[in-house]
N, C-alpha and C. Protein backbone atom coordinates (compact mmCIF):
# COMPACT_ATOMS: atom_id res chain seq x y z
N UNK A 1 25.59 -36.85 -50.06
CA UNK A 1 24.54 -36.30 -48.90
C UNK A 1 23.53 -35.56 -49.78
N UNK A 2 22.23 -35.88 -49.36
CA UNK A 2 21.09 -35.27 -50.01
C UNK A 2 21.04 -33.55 -49.68
N UNK A 3 20.29 -32.86 -50.73
CA UNK A 3 20.30 -31.13 -50.65
C UNK A 3 19.55 -31.05 -49.39
N UNK A 4 19.55 -29.89 -48.64
CA UNK A 4 18.93 -29.55 -47.65
C UNK A 4 17.18 -29.82 -47.92
N UNK A 5 16.97 -29.30 -48.70
CA UNK A 5 15.35 -29.10 -48.86
C UNK A 5 14.90 -30.71 -48.68
N UNK A 6 15.48 -31.78 -49.49
CA UNK A 6 15.04 -33.10 -49.37
C UNK A 6 15.50 -33.60 -47.94
N UNK A 7 16.39 -33.56 -47.34
CA UNK A 7 16.75 -33.99 -45.69
C UNK A 7 15.59 -33.08 -45.04
N UNK A 8 15.34 -31.96 -45.25
CA UNK A 8 14.36 -31.23 -44.49
C UNK A 8 12.89 -31.95 -44.64
N UNK A 9 12.61 -32.37 -45.76
CA UNK A 9 11.32 -33.10 -46.02
C UNK A 9 11.06 -34.34 -45.59
N UNK A 10 12.23 -35.05 -45.72
CA UNK A 10 12.21 -36.38 -45.28
C UNK A 10 12.23 -36.49 -43.56
N UNK A 11 12.73 -35.50 -42.88
CA UNK A 11 12.93 -35.11 -41.31
C UNK A 11 11.30 -34.74 -41.18
N UNK A 12 10.66 -33.67 -41.85
CA UNK A 12 9.24 -33.48 -41.48
C UNK A 12 8.35 -34.99 -41.39
N UNK A 13 8.37 -35.31 -42.80
CA UNK A 13 7.53 -36.41 -43.10
C UNK A 13 7.59 -37.41 -41.63
N UNK A 14 8.86 -37.75 -41.51
CA UNK A 14 9.13 -39.00 -40.51
C UNK A 14 8.47 -38.41 -39.22
N UNK A 15 8.59 -37.15 -38.69
CA UNK A 15 8.58 -37.01 -37.17
C UNK A 15 7.56 -35.88 -37.09
N UNK A 16 6.72 -35.19 -38.04
CA UNK A 16 6.09 -34.36 -37.69
C UNK A 16 4.87 -34.81 -36.80
N UNK A 17 4.27 -35.91 -37.09
CA UNK A 17 3.05 -36.39 -36.61
C UNK A 17 3.49 -36.68 -34.80
N UNK A 18 4.82 -37.21 -34.60
CA UNK A 18 5.21 -37.31 -33.34
C UNK A 18 5.45 -36.28 -32.37
N UNK A 19 5.93 -35.10 -33.32
CA UNK A 19 6.22 -33.81 -32.51
C UNK A 19 4.84 -33.22 -32.03
N UNK A 20 3.78 -33.49 -33.21
CA UNK A 20 2.47 -33.05 -32.88
C UNK A 20 1.97 -33.74 -31.58
N UNK A 21 2.07 -34.78 -31.54
CA UNK A 21 1.58 -35.85 -30.25
C UNK A 21 2.01 -35.26 -29.24
N UNK A 22 3.58 -35.03 -29.21
CA UNK A 22 4.03 -34.69 -27.88
C UNK A 22 3.67 -33.14 -27.58
N UNK A 23 3.48 -32.29 -28.47
CA UNK A 23 3.24 -30.90 -28.51
C UNK A 23 1.63 -31.07 -27.73
N UNK A 24 0.61 -31.76 -28.50
CA UNK A 24 -0.70 -31.87 -27.86
C UNK A 24 -0.93 -32.45 -26.62
N UNK A 25 0.17 -33.44 -26.15
CA UNK A 25 0.38 -33.85 -24.76
C UNK A 25 0.45 -32.73 -23.66
N UNK A 26 1.35 -31.91 -24.34
CA UNK A 26 1.91 -30.97 -23.39
C UNK A 26 1.02 -29.66 -23.06
N UNK A 27 0.27 -29.24 -24.31
CA UNK A 27 -0.28 -27.92 -24.54
C UNK A 27 -1.48 -27.97 -25.24
N UNK A 28 -2.27 -29.10 -25.50
CA UNK A 28 -3.35 -29.19 -26.21
C UNK A 28 -3.14 -28.69 -27.62
N UNK A 29 -4.72 -28.94 -28.36
CA UNK A 29 -4.43 -28.78 -29.98
C UNK A 29 -4.12 -27.37 -30.33
N UNK A 30 -4.74 -26.39 -29.75
CA UNK A 30 -4.58 -24.97 -30.44
C UNK A 30 -3.07 -24.55 -30.41
N UNK A 31 -2.15 -24.94 -29.37
CA UNK A 31 -0.95 -24.59 -29.21
C UNK A 31 -0.03 -25.51 -29.98
N UNK A 32 -0.40 -26.69 -30.10
CA UNK A 32 0.33 -27.53 -30.63
C UNK A 32 0.89 -27.35 -32.37
N UNK A 33 -0.35 -26.87 -33.07
CA UNK A 33 0.07 -26.64 -34.30
C UNK A 33 1.17 -25.48 -34.49
N UNK A 34 1.28 -24.78 -33.35
CA UNK A 34 2.23 -23.52 -33.42
C UNK A 34 3.25 -24.11 -33.08
N UNK A 35 3.41 -24.92 -32.08
CA UNK A 35 4.83 -25.40 -31.61
C UNK A 35 5.46 -26.28 -32.76
N UNK A 36 4.67 -27.30 -33.48
CA UNK A 36 5.27 -27.82 -34.39
C UNK A 36 5.82 -26.86 -35.49
N UNK A 37 5.06 -25.91 -35.92
CA UNK A 37 5.69 -25.18 -36.88
C UNK A 37 6.88 -24.46 -36.44
N UNK A 38 7.19 -24.13 -35.29
CA UNK A 38 8.27 -23.45 -34.66
C UNK A 38 9.21 -24.16 -34.56
N UNK A 39 8.87 -25.68 -34.25
CA UNK A 39 9.87 -26.71 -34.13
C UNK A 39 10.67 -26.87 -35.32
N UNK A 40 9.92 -27.17 -36.50
CA UNK A 40 10.25 -27.42 -37.84
C UNK A 40 11.06 -26.29 -38.31
N UNK A 41 10.91 -25.08 -38.10
CA UNK A 41 11.34 -23.75 -38.37
C UNK A 41 12.83 -23.97 -37.89
N UNK A 42 12.94 -24.10 -36.51
CA UNK A 42 14.18 -24.16 -36.01
C UNK A 42 15.04 -25.47 -36.71
N UNK A 43 14.44 -26.54 -36.80
CA UNK A 43 15.06 -27.48 -37.62
C UNK A 43 15.47 -27.20 -39.01
N UNK A 44 14.84 -26.42 -39.65
CA UNK A 44 15.26 -26.02 -41.19
C UNK A 44 16.45 -25.06 -40.91
N UNK A 45 16.33 -24.41 -39.87
CA UNK A 45 17.41 -23.17 -39.88
C UNK A 45 18.94 -23.82 -39.19
N UNK A 46 18.55 -25.03 -38.52
CA UNK A 46 19.73 -25.93 -37.84
C UNK A 46 19.96 -27.21 -38.32
N UNK A 47 19.63 -27.40 -39.82
CA UNK A 47 19.47 -28.70 -40.38
C UNK A 47 20.66 -29.48 -39.93
N UNK A 48 22.04 -28.83 -40.06
CA UNK A 48 23.45 -29.20 -40.00
C UNK A 48 23.62 -29.34 -38.69
N UNK A 49 22.68 -29.03 -37.78
CA UNK A 49 22.97 -29.34 -36.21
C UNK A 49 22.32 -30.65 -35.66
N UNK A 50 21.43 -31.14 -36.34
CA UNK A 50 20.70 -31.99 -35.95
C UNK A 50 21.34 -33.60 -36.19
N UNK A 51 21.52 -34.26 -34.90
CA UNK A 51 22.26 -35.64 -35.21
C UNK A 51 21.45 -36.51 -35.90
N UNK A 52 22.26 -37.05 -36.69
CA UNK A 52 21.41 -38.59 -37.60
C UNK A 52 20.89 -39.34 -36.95
N UNK A 53 21.48 -39.78 -35.62
CA UNK A 53 21.07 -40.90 -34.74
C UNK A 53 20.04 -40.43 -33.72
N UNK A 54 19.77 -39.18 -33.62
CA UNK A 54 18.81 -38.65 -32.41
C UNK A 54 18.12 -37.62 -33.13
N UNK A 55 17.60 -37.63 -34.14
CA UNK A 55 16.64 -36.56 -34.61
C UNK A 55 15.54 -36.29 -33.66
N UNK A 56 14.48 -37.55 -33.41
CA UNK A 56 13.34 -37.22 -32.79
C UNK A 56 13.69 -36.55 -31.34
N UNK A 57 14.47 -37.17 -30.47
CA UNK A 57 14.94 -36.53 -29.21
C UNK A 57 15.40 -34.86 -29.48
N UNK A 58 16.02 -34.77 -30.39
CA UNK A 58 16.47 -33.30 -30.80
C UNK A 58 15.19 -32.49 -31.17
N UNK A 59 14.26 -33.00 -31.73
CA UNK A 59 13.15 -32.25 -32.26
C UNK A 59 12.20 -32.35 -31.13
N UNK A 60 12.17 -33.29 -30.34
CA UNK A 60 11.31 -33.10 -28.74
C UNK A 60 11.90 -31.80 -27.82
N UNK A 61 13.37 -31.92 -27.97
CA UNK A 61 14.14 -31.21 -27.14
C UNK A 61 13.53 -29.60 -27.58
N UNK A 62 13.81 -29.41 -28.79
CA UNK A 62 13.20 -27.95 -29.38
C UNK A 62 11.94 -27.66 -29.14
N UNK A 63 10.93 -28.83 -29.22
CA UNK A 63 9.60 -28.42 -29.00
C UNK A 63 9.22 -28.06 -27.27
N UNK A 64 10.08 -29.01 -26.77
CA UNK A 64 9.96 -28.71 -25.36
C UNK A 64 10.53 -27.07 -24.86
N UNK A 65 11.46 -26.71 -25.52
CA UNK A 65 11.64 -25.38 -25.33
C UNK A 65 10.95 -24.26 -25.65
N UNK A 66 10.29 -24.62 -27.14
CA UNK A 66 9.55 -23.79 -27.30
C UNK A 66 8.15 -23.83 -26.59
N UNK A 67 7.77 -24.80 -25.98
CA UNK A 67 6.47 -24.90 -24.92
C UNK A 67 6.80 -24.08 -23.86
N UNK A 68 8.24 -24.25 -23.43
CA UNK A 68 8.56 -23.53 -21.89
C UNK A 68 8.62 -22.20 -22.36
N UNK A 69 9.08 -21.87 -23.38
CA UNK A 69 8.75 -20.12 -23.82
C UNK A 69 7.43 -19.66 -23.95
N UNK A 70 6.54 -20.46 -24.44
CA UNK A 70 5.19 -20.05 -24.55
C UNK A 70 4.40 -20.18 -23.01
N UNK A 71 4.84 -21.08 -22.11
CA UNK A 71 4.32 -21.18 -20.79
C UNK A 71 4.85 -20.02 -20.12
N UNK A 72 6.17 -19.57 -20.41
CA UNK A 72 6.67 -18.38 -19.46
C UNK A 72 6.06 -17.23 -19.91
N UNK A 73 5.74 -16.80 -21.33
CA UNK A 73 5.44 -15.89 -21.92
C UNK A 73 3.88 -15.60 -21.42
N UNK A 74 3.18 -16.72 -21.50
CA UNK A 74 1.63 -16.89 -21.07
C UNK A 74 1.80 -16.27 -19.38
N UNK A 75 2.48 -16.95 -18.63
CA UNK A 75 2.47 -16.44 -17.09
C UNK A 75 2.86 -15.12 -17.26
N UNK A 76 4.10 -14.49 -17.78
CA UNK A 76 4.26 -13.13 -17.89
C UNK A 76 3.11 -12.38 -18.07
N UNK A 77 2.36 -12.90 -19.34
CA UNK A 77 1.30 -11.97 -19.93
C UNK A 77 0.07 -11.95 -18.73
N UNK A 78 0.03 -13.13 -18.10
CA UNK A 78 -1.15 -13.17 -17.06
C UNK A 78 -0.88 -12.26 -15.96
N UNK A 79 0.62 -12.32 -15.53
CA UNK A 79 0.80 -11.52 -14.63
C UNK A 79 0.54 -9.90 -14.83
N UNK A 80 0.98 -9.54 -15.75
CA UNK A 80 1.03 -8.27 -16.48
C UNK A 80 -0.49 -7.85 -16.51
N UNK A 81 -1.44 -8.85 -16.91
CA UNK A 81 -2.85 -8.49 -17.03
C UNK A 81 -3.25 -8.36 -15.27
N UNK A 82 -2.93 -9.03 -14.71
CA UNK A 82 -3.62 -9.10 -13.28
C UNK A 82 -3.15 -7.71 -12.64
N UNK A 83 -1.69 -7.41 -12.92
CA UNK A 83 -1.21 -6.24 -12.25
C UNK A 83 -2.18 -4.78 -12.99
N UNK A 84 -2.32 -5.02 -14.42
CA UNK A 84 -3.18 -4.02 -15.02
C UNK A 84 -4.58 -3.81 -14.49
N UNK A 85 -5.23 -4.92 -14.31
CA UNK A 85 -6.51 -5.10 -13.69
C UNK A 85 -6.40 -4.45 -12.34
N UNK A 86 -5.76 -4.73 -11.44
CA UNK A 86 -5.33 -4.32 -10.06
C UNK A 86 -5.31 -2.87 -10.00
N UNK A 87 -4.39 -2.47 -10.98
CA UNK A 87 -4.20 -0.95 -11.10
C UNK A 87 -5.28 -0.18 -11.73
N UNK A 88 -6.20 -0.87 -12.46
CA UNK A 88 -7.28 -0.11 -12.98
C UNK A 88 -8.30 -0.15 -11.90
N UNK A 89 -8.54 -1.11 -11.64
CA UNK A 89 -9.65 -1.09 -10.14
C UNK A 89 -9.26 -0.18 -9.16
N UNK A 90 -7.86 0.10 -8.76
CA UNK A 90 -7.27 1.14 -7.82
C UNK A 90 -7.92 2.35 -8.61
N UNK A 91 -7.73 2.67 -9.74
CA UNK A 91 -7.55 3.98 -10.22
C UNK A 91 -9.10 4.11 -10.39
N UNK A 92 -9.84 3.16 -10.71
CA UNK A 92 -11.28 3.61 -10.75
C UNK A 92 -11.81 3.94 -9.18
N UNK A 93 -11.50 3.32 -8.16
CA UNK A 93 -11.86 3.41 -6.74
C UNK A 93 -11.32 4.98 -6.42
N UNK A 94 -10.13 5.01 -6.83
CA UNK A 94 -9.48 6.43 -6.41
C UNK A 94 -10.50 7.65 -7.19
N UNK A 95 -10.74 7.20 -8.26
CA UNK A 95 -11.51 8.37 -9.15
C UNK A 95 -12.83 8.56 -7.94
N UNK A 96 -13.41 7.45 -7.96
CA UNK A 96 -14.68 7.22 -7.50
C UNK A 96 -14.76 8.15 -6.09
N UNK A 97 -13.55 7.69 -5.14
CA UNK A 97 -13.41 8.26 -3.70
C UNK A 97 -13.20 9.88 -3.96
N UNK A 98 -12.46 9.97 -4.98
CA UNK A 98 -12.07 11.73 -4.89
C UNK A 98 -13.47 12.25 -5.56
N UNK A 99 -14.03 11.60 -6.27
CA UNK A 99 -15.29 12.24 -6.82
C UNK A 99 -16.46 12.57 -5.69
N UNK A 100 -16.33 11.48 -4.84
CA UNK A 100 -17.24 11.53 -3.67
C UNK A 100 -16.80 12.61 -2.60
N UNK A 101 -15.43 12.65 -2.43
CA UNK A 101 -14.93 13.80 -1.81
C UNK A 101 -15.37 15.29 -2.23
N UNK A 102 -15.11 15.16 -3.43
CA UNK A 102 -15.16 16.57 -4.22
C UNK A 102 -16.66 16.80 -3.99
N UNK A 103 -17.42 16.00 -4.17
CA UNK A 103 -18.80 16.32 -4.37
C UNK A 103 -19.27 16.87 -2.64
N UNK A 104 -18.90 16.01 -1.77
CA UNK A 104 -19.35 16.35 -0.29
C UNK A 104 -18.69 18.04 0.00
N UNK A 105 -17.50 18.19 -0.39
CA UNK A 105 -16.97 19.54 -0.44
C UNK A 105 -17.63 20.54 -0.93
N UNK A 106 -18.22 20.30 -2.26
CA UNK A 106 -18.92 21.24 -2.94
C UNK A 106 -20.27 21.42 -2.19
N UNK A 107 -20.92 20.40 -1.71
CA UNK A 107 -22.18 20.51 -1.08
C UNK A 107 -22.07 21.32 0.02
N UNK A 108 -20.94 21.16 0.81
CA UNK A 108 -20.85 21.82 2.04
C UNK A 108 -20.42 23.27 1.81
N UNK A 109 -19.54 23.52 0.88
CA UNK A 109 -19.40 24.98 0.28
C UNK A 109 -20.73 25.62 -0.16
N UNK A 110 -21.66 25.01 -0.62
CA UNK A 110 -22.91 25.40 -1.13
C UNK A 110 -23.91 25.93 -0.02
N UNK A 111 -23.80 24.99 1.18
CA UNK A 111 -24.39 25.55 2.44
C UNK A 111 -23.94 26.74 3.03
N UNK A 112 -22.95 27.21 2.92
CA UNK A 112 -21.91 28.51 3.61
C UNK A 112 -22.63 29.63 3.01
N UNK A 113 -22.34 30.44 3.74
CA UNK A 113 -22.81 32.05 3.17
C UNK A 113 -21.82 32.48 2.19
N UNK A 114 -22.30 33.48 1.40
CA UNK A 114 -21.33 33.87 0.40
C UNK A 114 -20.04 34.70 0.98
N UNK A 115 -20.30 35.05 2.04
CA UNK A 115 -18.99 35.81 2.44
C UNK A 115 -18.21 34.47 3.08
N UNK A 116 -18.65 33.43 3.46
CA UNK A 116 -17.65 32.30 4.04
C UNK A 116 -17.16 31.86 2.62
N UNK A 117 -17.74 31.65 1.58
CA UNK A 117 -17.44 31.00 0.18
C UNK A 117 -16.27 32.02 -0.25
N UNK A 118 -16.41 33.21 -0.35
CA UNK A 118 -15.64 34.21 -0.69
C UNK A 118 -14.43 33.96 0.06
N UNK A 119 -14.38 33.83 1.25
CA UNK A 119 -13.27 34.08 2.15
C UNK A 119 -12.20 32.53 1.65
N UNK A 120 -12.98 31.56 1.81
CA UNK A 120 -12.10 30.52 1.23
C UNK A 120 -11.88 30.17 -0.23
N UNK A 121 -12.46 30.77 -0.99
CA UNK A 121 -12.20 30.46 -2.34
C UNK A 121 -11.04 31.51 -2.91
N UNK A 122 -10.86 33.02 -2.12
CA UNK A 122 -9.97 33.60 -2.49
C UNK A 122 -8.49 33.06 -2.32
N UNK A 123 -8.23 32.25 -1.12
CA UNK A 123 -6.97 31.71 -0.95
C UNK A 123 -6.92 30.39 -1.68
N UNK A 124 -7.63 29.65 -1.55
CA UNK A 124 -7.69 28.28 -1.82
C UNK A 124 -7.98 28.19 -3.28
N UNK A 125 -8.78 28.54 -3.93
CA UNK A 125 -8.95 28.27 -5.46
C UNK A 125 -8.28 29.64 -6.26
N UNK A 126 -8.30 30.70 -5.69
CA UNK A 126 -7.55 31.76 -6.47
C UNK A 126 -6.31 32.11 -6.15
N UNK A 127 -5.85 31.22 -5.19
CA UNK A 127 -4.12 31.58 -5.10
C UNK A 127 -3.63 32.54 -4.27
N UNK A 128 -4.65 33.45 -3.72
CA UNK A 128 -4.45 34.60 -3.18
C UNK A 128 -3.34 34.58 -1.92
N UNK A 129 -2.61 35.54 -1.61
CA UNK A 129 -1.90 35.33 -0.29
C UNK A 129 -2.90 36.04 0.69
N UNK A 130 -2.64 35.96 2.13
CA UNK A 130 -3.82 36.66 3.13
C UNK A 130 -3.51 37.73 2.73
N UNK A 131 -2.46 38.47 2.86
CA UNK A 131 -2.40 40.04 2.54
C UNK A 131 -3.37 40.26 1.44
N UNK A 132 -3.24 39.92 0.45
CA UNK A 132 -3.95 40.28 -1.01
C UNK A 132 -5.44 39.85 -0.77
N UNK A 133 -5.71 38.81 -0.19
CA UNK A 133 -7.31 38.47 0.26
C UNK A 133 -7.96 39.51 1.03
N UNK A 134 -7.09 40.08 2.06
CA UNK A 134 -7.58 40.87 2.99
C UNK A 134 -7.93 42.16 2.33
N UNK A 135 -7.12 42.79 1.46
CA UNK A 135 -7.21 43.84 0.45
C UNK A 135 -8.37 43.78 -0.07
N UNK A 136 -8.79 42.62 -0.92
CA UNK A 136 -10.02 42.28 -1.60
C UNK A 136 -11.23 42.64 -0.60
N UNK A 137 -11.20 42.30 0.51
CA UNK A 137 -12.31 42.27 1.40
C UNK A 137 -12.53 43.37 2.14
N UNK A 138 -11.56 44.09 2.11
CA UNK A 138 -11.25 45.43 2.77
C UNK A 138 -11.33 45.73 4.21
N UNK A 139 -10.20 44.74 4.49
CA UNK A 139 -10.07 44.27 6.07
C UNK A 139 -8.54 44.26 6.22
N UNK A 140 -8.35 44.08 7.76
CA UNK A 140 -6.95 43.97 8.16
C UNK A 140 -6.75 42.60 8.00
N UNK A 141 -5.27 42.06 7.82
CA UNK A 141 -4.90 40.73 7.83
C UNK A 141 -5.44 40.08 8.84
N UNK A 142 -5.08 40.69 10.12
CA UNK A 142 -5.74 39.95 11.09
C UNK A 142 -7.36 39.95 11.29
N UNK A 143 -8.09 40.40 10.86
CA UNK A 143 -9.44 40.23 10.75
C UNK A 143 -9.60 39.27 9.77
N UNK A 144 -8.87 39.11 8.74
CA UNK A 144 -8.98 38.12 7.47
C UNK A 144 -8.81 36.84 8.27
N UNK A 145 -7.78 36.67 9.03
CA UNK A 145 -7.32 35.36 9.54
C UNK A 145 -8.46 34.86 10.70
N UNK A 146 -9.16 35.84 11.32
CA UNK A 146 -10.31 35.44 12.20
C UNK A 146 -11.27 34.96 11.48
N UNK A 147 -11.81 35.79 10.31
CA UNK A 147 -13.03 35.16 9.60
C UNK A 147 -12.73 33.84 8.98
N UNK A 148 -11.11 33.83 8.26
CA UNK A 148 -10.99 32.73 7.89
C UNK A 148 -11.12 31.39 8.66
N UNK A 149 -10.78 31.38 9.59
CA UNK A 149 -10.57 30.40 10.82
C UNK A 149 -12.19 30.16 10.90
N UNK A 150 -13.14 31.36 11.30
CA UNK A 150 -14.48 30.77 11.51
C UNK A 150 -15.14 30.22 9.98
N UNK A 151 -14.63 30.63 9.18
CA UNK A 151 -15.13 29.96 7.71
C UNK A 151 -14.86 28.56 7.70
N UNK A 152 -13.59 28.25 8.01
CA UNK A 152 -13.09 26.94 8.12
C UNK A 152 -13.82 26.12 8.98
N UNK A 153 -14.09 26.62 10.16
CA UNK A 153 -14.88 25.91 11.19
C UNK A 153 -16.26 25.45 10.69
N UNK A 154 -16.86 26.41 10.02
CA UNK A 154 -18.43 26.22 9.44
C UNK A 154 -18.46 25.20 8.41
N UNK A 155 -17.19 25.33 7.79
CA UNK A 155 -17.17 24.33 6.58
C UNK A 155 -16.95 22.92 7.00
N UNK A 156 -16.15 22.68 8.01
CA UNK A 156 -15.66 21.48 8.76
C UNK A 156 -17.20 20.91 9.01
N UNK A 157 -17.80 21.93 9.74
CA UNK A 157 -19.14 21.47 10.22
C UNK A 157 -20.19 21.05 9.11
N UNK A 158 -20.24 21.83 8.01
CA UNK A 158 -21.13 21.38 6.90
C UNK A 158 -20.80 19.98 6.48
N UNK A 159 -19.41 19.85 6.55
CA UNK A 159 -18.81 18.41 5.79
C UNK A 159 -19.63 17.41 6.75
N UNK A 160 -19.28 17.68 8.00
CA UNK A 160 -19.51 16.64 9.16
C UNK A 160 -21.19 16.53 9.29
N UNK A 161 -22.09 17.33 8.85
CA UNK A 161 -23.50 17.46 9.00
C UNK A 161 -23.75 16.44 7.57
N UNK A 162 -23.05 16.52 6.48
CA UNK A 162 -23.30 15.77 5.51
C UNK A 162 -23.32 13.98 5.80
N UNK A 163 -22.64 13.90 6.84
CA UNK A 163 -22.54 12.42 6.83
C UNK A 163 -21.44 11.76 6.27
N UNK A 164 -20.80 12.33 5.36
CA UNK A 164 -19.70 11.68 4.50
C UNK A 164 -18.58 12.31 4.41
N UNK A 165 -17.95 12.75 5.86
CA UNK A 165 -17.12 13.59 5.35
C UNK A 165 -15.53 12.88 4.97
N UNK A 166 -15.04 13.78 3.72
CA UNK A 166 -13.98 12.95 3.24
C UNK A 166 -12.72 12.61 4.48
N UNK A 167 -12.05 11.47 3.83
CA UNK A 167 -10.99 11.63 4.62
C UNK A 167 -9.74 11.49 3.59
N UNK A 168 -8.43 12.46 3.99
CA UNK A 168 -8.58 13.23 4.91
C UNK A 168 -9.32 14.56 4.19
N UNK A 169 -10.07 15.51 5.15
CA UNK A 169 -10.45 16.62 4.37
C UNK A 169 -9.05 17.40 3.76
N UNK A 170 -9.57 17.94 2.81
CA UNK A 170 -8.13 18.93 2.17
C UNK A 170 -7.45 19.74 3.01
N UNK A 171 -6.21 19.85 3.36
CA UNK A 171 -5.75 20.62 4.31
C UNK A 171 -5.62 22.10 4.17
N UNK A 172 -5.59 22.28 2.77
CA UNK A 172 -5.75 23.79 2.31
C UNK A 172 -7.01 24.46 2.99
N UNK A 173 -8.05 23.70 2.81
CA UNK A 173 -9.36 24.35 3.12
C UNK A 173 -9.33 24.61 4.71
N UNK A 174 -9.00 23.57 5.43
CA UNK A 174 -9.24 23.39 6.72
C UNK A 174 -8.09 23.85 7.62
N UNK A 175 -7.41 24.62 6.99
CA UNK A 175 -6.29 25.31 7.62
C UNK A 175 -4.83 25.01 7.31
N UNK A 176 -4.84 24.76 5.91
CA UNK A 176 -3.44 24.30 5.38
C UNK A 176 -2.71 25.89 5.21
N UNK A 177 -1.61 25.61 5.02
CA UNK A 177 -0.61 26.94 4.85
C UNK A 177 -0.87 27.75 3.80
N UNK A 178 -1.12 29.03 4.22
CA UNK A 178 -1.60 30.06 3.37
C UNK A 178 -0.18 30.73 2.65
N UNK A 179 -0.20 31.09 1.44
CA UNK A 179 1.27 31.93 1.04
C UNK A 179 1.44 32.94 1.71
């Protein structure tokens, strides 16, 4: 029995062109070279498993399996890329939507009086409880809630006037729960 190196060289010289032709017919020139290389790498590793009377079919089967793996990987990669593209498009749209919403609210806040801005920001952005905000403003808790309610109505009116009311308007500004 010839040595493994000699057997492999004989096998390669006898079938490399035909395996390449098979791979080209299934996947084109670019992928064919890679498929041939991988096919003969498998053949080298499994040299003793190759049947003497069916070497070419065995090599074609290996090439076929390699092509299938490549096609599956390409499909999976395309699917992942499509998912990533969809996610990125949605993320960009969400950022744009939130930026527009934020800009609308900031414009509406700018149109309010300083007292209304202070009422809204004490609880919403500075995180004060109603009792604490009332203390800062020097009024009772009941008076604070009346003023806050009126400020929220004016803010909603300013948002509506801007013509681009965000959907939904953040609940905390327009009547969300206070601590």
